[in-house]
Every structure is written in structure tokens, then in C-alpha cells.
Amino acid sequence: MTDKERYKRTFSRLHASDHCLMEVETMKIRKIAPVRRMISVCAAAVLIAAMATVAYAADLGGIQRTVQVWIHGDQTNAVLELSGGSYTLTYDEEGEQKTVGGGGVSFDIFGNERPLTEEEIMEHLNSPQVEYRTDGTVWVYCRDQELEITDRFQNGVCYVSIKDGDQTLYLTVEASGTYSYSPHGYPAAA
């Protein structure tokens, strides 16, 4: 007979009282409750960490996402990163990665300054663009339209109207390298 069998045989005749058994059951229940509490605390910690990450992205770290913008008459996928009214736009042009940035502020009627919103930045990115090329030509781009205006300058100024959906935009382009546009009529040359 082995030691294990001897212990079994000896202690099989012993039985715990009901009071003792009740106490053991109570101890088991008490051990389960702390485990559940610990799981709840860990889940809450994970949730707080996730919320902090979202708050960081919305507030301090900037928001980065893929958008479609019109660049030189082509709709292009780009990564837009926003932070406090400024932006960085990264896109691929003919196999070369390009990055542009900008941003600014807006003033309300009381003179209070606020950073530009995402909608205002996207409106700017999709607004008409004028490109003065190194070969001396001048091009206007508005969404999927491109127009060479090199021969249209008179006294250093060119007036161009472009249909953008249901809206007509009026551009005033100066040979010196500046331009402006409005949906209401030609802005005065500076």
C-alpha cells in the first residue's frame, strides 16, 4: 500500500461539520468578488486610456486622415493632418511625395480670433489655384478644369471666369504672381 492510499483511507472516515462547510463556501464567494472587481478596474483603465488617446488626437496631436483634393486638375488622395487651425497635406505626384502646409485664423465681427475649421481648410484646398510655371506660362486650375491664361493678360492683369458646379467664380490674376477670386464678381486688382 502506498502513502497516498494510506492517507486516503485514514482521512476518508473524517467529515467536516455543516458549520465548517458553510465557512469554506463563504470563503470561495469572497475570493470571486475581488477577481470581478479587478476585471472591472482593468476594463475601466483600458477605457480611460482609449478616451485619452482620442482626446489627444482631437486636441494636441492633430487629426490625420485621408482626403481627396484637386491638384492640377486631378482628384488626388492625400493625407491631411490638422492641428490648431493649420494643416499639412502630403500627396503623391508622378511618383514623388510632396508636402504642403498652411492654415490660419478667422476673425468674428467682434474681432475675436479663432483657428480655421476643417471645412474652411478643405474649401481653401479645393479653391482655384494659379500656377506660374518656369517656362513662362500661367495656368489656372479649378477642380477638374485647367486653363492656360498666358496670352490673356492686358496691362499685367487677367480676368477669368470659371464654372464650378452651379457657381461661377471670377478670378483676377496679376502677372506679378498674385490672384484673388469671388463668386460675386471680379475682385479689384491690387
C-alpha atoms as a PDB file:
ATOM      1  CA  MET A   1       0.000   0.000   0.000  1.00  0.00           C
ATOM      2  CA  THR A   2       1.339   3.438  -0.949  1.00  0.00           C
ATOM      3  CA  ASP A   3       1.402   6.503   1.212  1.00  0.00           C
ATOM      4  CA  LYS A   4      -1.259   8.114  -0.906  1.00  0.00           C
ATOM      5  CA  GLU A   5      -3.658   5.233  -0.376  1.00  0.00           C
ATOM      6  CA  ARG A   6      -2.987   5.234   3.382  1.00  0.00           C
ATOM      7  CA  TYR A   7      -3.811   8.950   3.637  1.00  0.00           C
ATOM      8  CA  LYS A   8      -6.986   8.443   1.636  1.00  0.00           C
ATOM      9  CA  ARG A   9      -8.109   5.578   3.797  1.00  0.00           C
ATOM     10  CA  THR A  10      -7.342   7.407   7.041  1.00  0.00           C
ATOM     11  CA  PHE A  11      -8.999  10.671   6.149  1.00  0.00           C
ATOM     12  CA  SER A  12     -11.988   9.218   4.291  1.00  0.00           C
ATOM     13  CA  ARG A  13     -13.578   8.484   7.662  1.00  0.00           C
ATOM     14  CA  LEU A  14     -13.396  12.150   8.683  1.00  0.00           C
ATOM     15  CA  HIS A  15     -16.217  14.524   7.739  1.00  0.00           C
ATOM     16  CA  ALA A  16     -16.433  18.263   8.236  1.00  0.00           C
ATOM     17  CA  SER A  17     -19.330  19.761  10.140  1.00  0.00           C
ATOM     18  CA  ASP A  18     -22.013  21.796   8.360  1.00  0.00           C
ATOM     19  CA  HIS A  19     -20.710  24.960  10.003  1.00  0.00           C
ATOM     20  CA  CYS A  20     -17.225  24.307   8.642  1.00  0.00           C
ATOM     21  CA  LEU A  21     -18.547  23.580   5.154  1.00  0.00           C
ATOM     22  CA  MET A  22     -20.574  26.823   5.213  1.00  0.00           C
ATOM     23  CA  GLU A  23     -17.455  28.751   6.179  1.00  0.00           C
ATOM     24  CA  VAL A  24     -15.484  27.258   3.252  1.00  0.00           C
ATOM     25  CA  GLU A  25     -18.275  28.195   0.782  1.00  0.00           C
ATOM     26  CA  THR A  26     -18.301  31.764   2.128  1.00  0.00           C
ATOM     27  CA  MET A  27     -14.540  31.986   1.624  1.00  0.00           C
ATOM     28  CA  LYS A  28     -14.929  30.869  -2.028  1.00  0.00           C
ATOM     29  CA  ILE A  29     -17.564  33.561  -2.665  1.00  0.00           C
ATOM     30  CA  ARG A  30     -15.318  36.233  -1.146  1.00  0.00           C
ATOM     31  CA  LYS A  31     -12.448  35.202  -3.428  1.00  0.00           C
ATOM     32  CA  ILE A  32     -14.601  35.541  -6.581  1.00  0.00           C
ATOM     33  CA  ALA A  33     -15.729  39.092  -5.785  1.00  0.00           C
ATOM     34  CA  PRO A  34     -12.193  40.607  -5.759  1.00  0.00           C
ATOM     35  CA  VAL A  35     -11.467  38.959  -9.119  1.00  0.00           C
ATOM     36  CA  ARG A  36     -14.563  40.570 -10.620  1.00  0.00           C
ATOM     37  CA  ARG A  37     -13.594  43.912  -9.118  1.00  0.00           C
ATOM     38  CA  MET A  38     -10.116  43.576 -10.571  1.00  0.00           C
ATOM     39  CA  ILE A  39     -11.528  42.820 -14.024  1.00  0.00           C
ATOM     40  CA  SER A  40     -13.827  45.866 -13.761  1.00  0.00           C
ATOM     41  CA  VAL A  41     -10.927  48.099 -12.713  1.00  0.00           C
ATOM     42  CA  CYS A  42      -8.783  46.854 -15.626  1.00  0.00           C
ATOM     43  CA  ALA A  43     -11.632  47.407 -18.110  1.00  0.00           C
ATOM     44  CA  ALA A  44     -12.130  50.948 -16.768  1.00  0.00           C
ATOM     45  CA  ALA A  45      -8.390  51.650 -17.118  1.00  0.00           C
ATOM     46  CA  VAL A  46      -8.408  50.473 -20.740  1.00  0.00           C
ATOM     47  CA  LEU A  47     -11.455  52.643 -21.472  1.00  0.00           C
ATOM     48  CA  ILE A  48      -9.826  55.705 -19.915  1.00  0.00           C
ATOM     49  CA  ALA A  49      -6.639  55.116 -21.929  1.00  0.00           C
ATOM     50  CA  ALA A  50      -8.665  54.844 -25.146  1.00  0.00           C
ATOM     51  CA  MET A  51     -10.554  58.054 -24.376  1.00  0.00           C
ATOM     52  CA  ALA A  52      -7.306  59.861 -23.574  1.00  0.00           C
ATOM     53  CA  THR A  53      -5.891  58.775 -26.936  1.00  0.00           C
ATOM     54  CA  VAL A  54      -8.935  60.141 -28.760  1.00  0.00           C
ATOM     55  CA  ALA A  55      -8.725  63.397 -26.805  1.00  0.00           C
ATOM     56  CA  TYR A  56      -5.049  63.718 -27.687  1.00  0.00           C
ATOM     57  CA  ALA A  57      -5.768  63.185 -31.377  1.00  0.00           C
ATOM     58  CA  ALA A  58      -8.582  65.737 -31.328  1.00  0.00           C
ATOM     59  CA  ASP A  59      -6.743  68.332 -29.283  1.00  0.00           C
ATOM     60  CA  LEU A  60      -2.970  68.229 -29.107  1.00  0.00           C
ATOM     61  CA  GLY A  61      -1.735  65.644 -31.535  1.00  0.00           C
ATOM     62  CA  GLY A  62      -3.745  66.774 -34.522  1.00  0.00           C
ATOM     63  CA  ILE A  63      -6.064  64.727 -36.663  1.00  0.00           C
ATOM     64  CA  GLN A  64      -4.700  62.784 -39.594  1.00  0.00           C
ATOM     65  CA  ARG A  65      -6.893  61.300 -42.272  1.00  0.00           C
ATOM     66  CA  THR A  66      -7.020  60.541 -45.983  1.00  0.00           C
ATOM     67  CA  VAL A  67      -8.925  63.056 -48.126  1.00  0.00           C
ATOM     68  CA  GLN A  68      -9.423  63.704 -51.822  1.00  0.00           C
ATOM     69  CA  VAL A  69      -8.332  67.088 -53.152  1.00  0.00           C
ATOM     70  CA  TRP A  70      -7.941  68.570 -56.604  1.00  0.00           C
ATOM     71  CA  ILE A  71      -4.306  69.135 -57.555  1.00  0.00           C
ATOM     72  CA  HIS A  72      -3.501  70.418 -61.058  1.00  0.00           C
ATOM     73  CA  GLY A  73      -6.874  69.289 -62.376  1.00  0.00           C
ATOM     74  CA  ASP A  74      -6.642  65.749 -60.982  1.00  0.00           C
ATOM     75  CA  GLN A  75      -8.504  64.403 -57.983  1.00  0.00           C
ATOM     76  CA  THR A  76      -5.795  63.053 -55.705  1.00  0.00           C
ATOM     77  CA  ASN A  77      -5.746  61.050 -52.475  1.00  0.00           C
ATOM     78  CA  ALA A  78      -3.775  62.883 -49.808  1.00  0.00           C
ATOM     79  CA  VAL A  79      -3.079  62.624 -46.095  1.00  0.00           C
ATOM     80  CA  LEU A  80      -4.353  65.700 -44.277  1.00  0.00           C
ATOM     81  CA  GLU A  81      -3.081  66.420 -40.783  1.00  0.00           C
ATOM     82  CA  LEU A  82      -4.875  69.162 -38.862  1.00  0.00           C
ATOM     83  CA  SER A  83      -3.570  70.868 -35.754  1.00  0.00           C
ATOM     84  CA  GLY A  84      -4.873  74.098 -34.258  1.00  0.00           C
ATOM     85  CA  GLY A  85      -6.089  75.708 -37.479  1.00  0.00           C
ATOM     86  CA  SER A  86      -3.056  74.737 -39.556  1.00  0.00           C
ATOM     87  CA  TYR A  87      -2.632  71.785 -41.868  1.00  0.00           C
ATOM     88  CA  THR A  88      -0.054  69.607 -43.571  1.00  0.00           C
ATOM     89  CA  LEU A  89      -1.092  67.893 -46.805  1.00  0.00           C
ATOM     90  CA  THR A  90       1.022  65.010 -48.138  1.00  0.00           C
ATOM     91  CA  TYR A  91       0.310  63.547 -51.590  1.00  0.00           C
ATOM     92  CA  ASP A  92       1.958  61.631 -54.406  1.00  0.00           C
ATOM     93  CA  GLU A  93       2.661  63.472 -57.664  1.00  0.00           C
ATOM     94  CA  GLU A  94       4.189  61.474 -60.502  1.00  0.00           C
ATOM     95  CA  GLY A  95       5.841  59.051 -58.067  1.00  0.00           C
ATOM     96  CA  GLU A  96       7.269  61.799 -55.883  1.00  0.00           C
ATOM     97  CA  GLN A  97       5.863  62.531 -52.432  1.00  0.00           C
ATOM     98  CA  LYS A  98       5.035  66.205 -51.933  1.00  0.00           C
ATOM     99  CA  THR A  99       4.089  68.021 -48.747  1.00  0.00           C
ATOM    100  CA  VAL A 100       2.427  71.413 -48.486  1.00  0.00           C
ATOM    101  CA  GLY A 101       1.169  73.209 -45.437  1.00  0.00           C
ATOM    102  CA  GLY A 102      -0.715  76.262 -44.373  1.00  0.00           C
ATOM    103  CA  GLY A 103      -3.572  77.401 -42.252  1.00  0.00           C
ATOM    104  CA  GLY A 104      -4.554  80.443 -40.389  1.00  0.00           C
ATOM    105  CA  VAL A 105      -7.167  82.108 -38.311  1.00  0.00           C
ATOM    106  CA  SER A 106     -10.513  83.757 -38.810  1.00  0.00           C
ATOM    107  CA  PHE A 107     -11.944  86.778 -37.015  1.00  0.00           C
ATOM    108  CA  ASP A 108     -15.569  87.186 -35.949  1.00  0.00           C
ATOM    109  CA  ILE A 109     -17.461  90.506 -36.051  1.00  0.00           C
ATOM    110  CA  PHE A 110     -16.139  91.358 -32.572  1.00  0.00           C
ATOM    111  CA  GLY A 111     -12.510  90.878 -33.607  1.00  0.00           C
ATOM    112  CA  ASN A 112     -12.069  87.587 -31.753  1.00  0.00           C
ATOM    113  CA  GLU A 113      -9.541  85.252 -33.348  1.00  0.00           C
ATOM    114  CA  ARG A 114     -10.201  81.541 -33.843  1.00  0.00           C
ATOM    115  CA  PRO A 115      -8.360  78.790 -35.728  1.00  0.00           C
ATOM    116  CA  LEU A 116      -9.711  77.760 -39.125  1.00  0.00           C
ATOM    117  CA  THR A 117     -12.093  74.808 -39.114  1.00  0.00           C
ATOM    118  CA  GLU A 118     -11.551  71.642 -41.139  1.00  0.00           C
ATOM    119  CA  GLU A 119     -14.311  72.732 -43.554  1.00  0.00           C
ATOM    120  CA  GLU A 120     -12.618  76.093 -44.135  1.00  0.00           C
ATOM    121  CA  ILE A 121      -9.266  74.408 -44.773  1.00  0.00           C
ATOM    122  CA  MET A 122     -10.852  71.923 -47.213  1.00  0.00           C
ATOM    123  CA  GLU A 123     -12.596  74.821 -49.005  1.00  0.00           C
ATOM    124  CA  HIS A 124      -9.210  76.520 -49.378  1.00  0.00           C
ATOM    125  CA  LEU A 125      -7.539  73.335 -50.655  1.00  0.00           C
ATOM    126  CA  ASN A 126     -10.232  72.883 -53.316  1.00  0.00           C
ATOM    127  CA  SER A 127     -10.328  76.559 -54.341  1.00  0.00           C
ATOM    128  CA  PRO A 128      -8.981  77.770 -57.704  1.00  0.00           C
ATOM    129  CA  GLN A 129      -5.192  77.718 -57.946  1.00  0.00           C
ATOM    130  CA  VAL A 130      -2.918  79.680 -60.266  1.00  0.00           C
ATOM    131  CA  GLU A 131       0.454  78.244 -61.272  1.00  0.00           C
ATOM    132  CA  TYR A 132       3.239  80.353 -62.731  1.00  0.00           C
ATOM    133  CA  ARG A 133       5.462  77.806 -64.478  1.00  0.00           C
ATOM    134  CA  THR A 134       9.178  78.127 -65.108  1.00  0.00           C
ATOM    135  CA  ASP A 135       8.584  78.081 -68.886  1.00  0.00           C
ATOM    136  CA  GLY A 136       6.726  81.404 -68.533  1.00  0.00           C
ATOM    137  CA  THR A 137       3.186  80.049 -68.933  1.00  0.00           C
ATOM    138  CA  VAL A 138       0.417  80.754 -66.435  1.00  0.00           C
ATOM    139  CA  TRP A 139      -2.238  78.113 -65.674  1.00  0.00           C
ATOM    140  CA  VAL A 140      -5.482  78.224 -63.687  1.00  0.00           C
ATOM    141  CA  TYR A 141      -6.777  75.041 -62.038  1.00  0.00           C
ATOM    142  CA  CYS A 142     -10.255  74.695 -60.597  1.00  0.00           C
ATOM    143  CA  ARG A 143     -11.284  71.170 -59.619  1.00  0.00           C
ATOM    144  CA  ASP A 144     -11.159  69.114 -62.868  1.00  0.00           C
ATOM    145  CA  GLN A 145     -10.568  72.146 -65.123  1.00  0.00           C
ATOM    146  CA  GLU A 146      -7.279  73.539 -66.294  1.00  0.00           C
ATOM    147  CA  LEU A 147      -6.849  76.613 -68.423  1.00  0.00           C
ATOM    148  CA  GLU A 148      -3.751  78.329 -69.805  1.00  0.00           C
ATOM    149  CA  ILE A 149      -4.137  82.100 -69.487  1.00  0.00           C
ATOM    150  CA  THR A 150      -0.666  83.253 -70.560  1.00  0.00           C
ATOM    151  CA  ASP A 151      -1.929  85.214 -73.606  1.00  0.00           C
ATOM    152  CA  ARG A 152      -4.933  86.801 -71.809  1.00  0.00           C
ATOM    153  CA  PHE A 153      -3.034  89.367 -69.715  1.00  0.00           C
ATOM    154  CA  GLN A 154      -3.705  93.026 -70.505  1.00  0.00           C
ATOM    155  CA  ASN A 155      -1.706  95.637 -68.607  1.00  0.00           C
ATOM    156  CA  GLY A 156      -0.431  92.910 -66.253  1.00  0.00           C
ATOM    157  CA  VAL A 157      -3.922  91.689 -65.246  1.00  0.00           C
ATOM    158  CA  CYS A 158      -6.081  88.798 -66.475  1.00  0.00           C
ATOM    159  CA  TYR A 159      -9.780  88.339 -65.718  1.00  0.00           C
ATOM    160  CA  VAL A 160     -11.076  84.758 -65.916  1.00  0.00           C
ATOM    161  CA  SER A 161     -14.480  83.277 -65.089  1.00  0.00           C
ATOM    162  CA  ILE A 162     -14.715  79.562 -64.279  1.00  0.00           C
ATOM    163  CA  LYS A 163     -17.845  77.492 -63.831  1.00  0.00           C
ATOM    164  CA  ASP A 164     -17.597  75.419 -60.623  1.00  0.00           C
ATOM    165  CA  GLY A 165     -20.739  73.285 -60.467  1.00  0.00           C
ATOM    166  CA  ASP A 166     -23.728  75.641 -60.216  1.00  0.00           C
ATOM    167  CA  GLN A 167     -21.491  78.544 -59.259  1.00  0.00           C
ATOM    168  CA  THR A 168     -19.350  80.846 -61.386  1.00  0.00           C
ATOM    169  CA  LEU A 169     -16.065  82.019 -59.878  1.00  0.00           C
ATOM    170  CA  TYR A 170     -14.456  85.249 -61.074  1.00  0.00           C
ATOM    171  CA  LEU A 171     -10.649  85.350 -60.888  1.00  0.00           C
ATOM    172  CA  THR A 172      -8.416  88.378 -61.090  1.00  0.00           C
ATOM    173  CA  VAL A 173      -4.875  87.191 -61.845  1.00  0.00           C
ATOM    174  CA  GLU A 174      -1.903  89.538 -61.857  1.00  0.00           C
ATOM    175  CA  ALA A 175       1.300  88.891 -63.792  1.00  0.00           C
ATOM    176  CA  SER A 176       3.237  89.757 -60.618  1.00  0.00           C
ATOM    177  CA  GLY A 177       2.167  86.455 -59.051  1.00  0.00           C
ATOM    178  CA  THR A 178      -0.930  87.263 -57.018  1.00  0.00           C
ATOM    179  CA  TYR A 179      -4.548  86.360 -57.642  1.00  0.00           C
ATOM    180  CA  SER A 180      -7.944  86.574 -55.991  1.00  0.00           C
ATOM    181  CA  TYR A 181     -11.383  85.160 -56.691  1.00  0.00           C
ATOM    182  CA  SER A 182     -15.003  85.724 -55.759  1.00  0.00           C
ATOM    183  CA  PRO A 183     -18.388  84.206 -56.613  1.00  0.00           C
ATOM    184  CA  HIS A 184     -19.900  87.730 -56.815  1.00  0.00           C
ATOM    185  CA  GLY A 185     -17.768  89.425 -59.476  1.00  0.00           C
ATOM    186  CA  TYR A 186     -14.203  90.285 -60.352  1.00  0.00           C
ATOM    187  CA  PRO A 187     -12.190  91.416 -57.343  1.00  0.00           C
ATOM    188  CA  ALA A 188     -10.311  94.645 -57.995  1.00  0.00           C
ATOM    189  CA  ALA A 189      -6.674  94.295 -58.966  1.00  0.00           C
ATOM    190  CA  ALA A 190      -4.303  95.466 -56.261  1.00  0.00           C
END
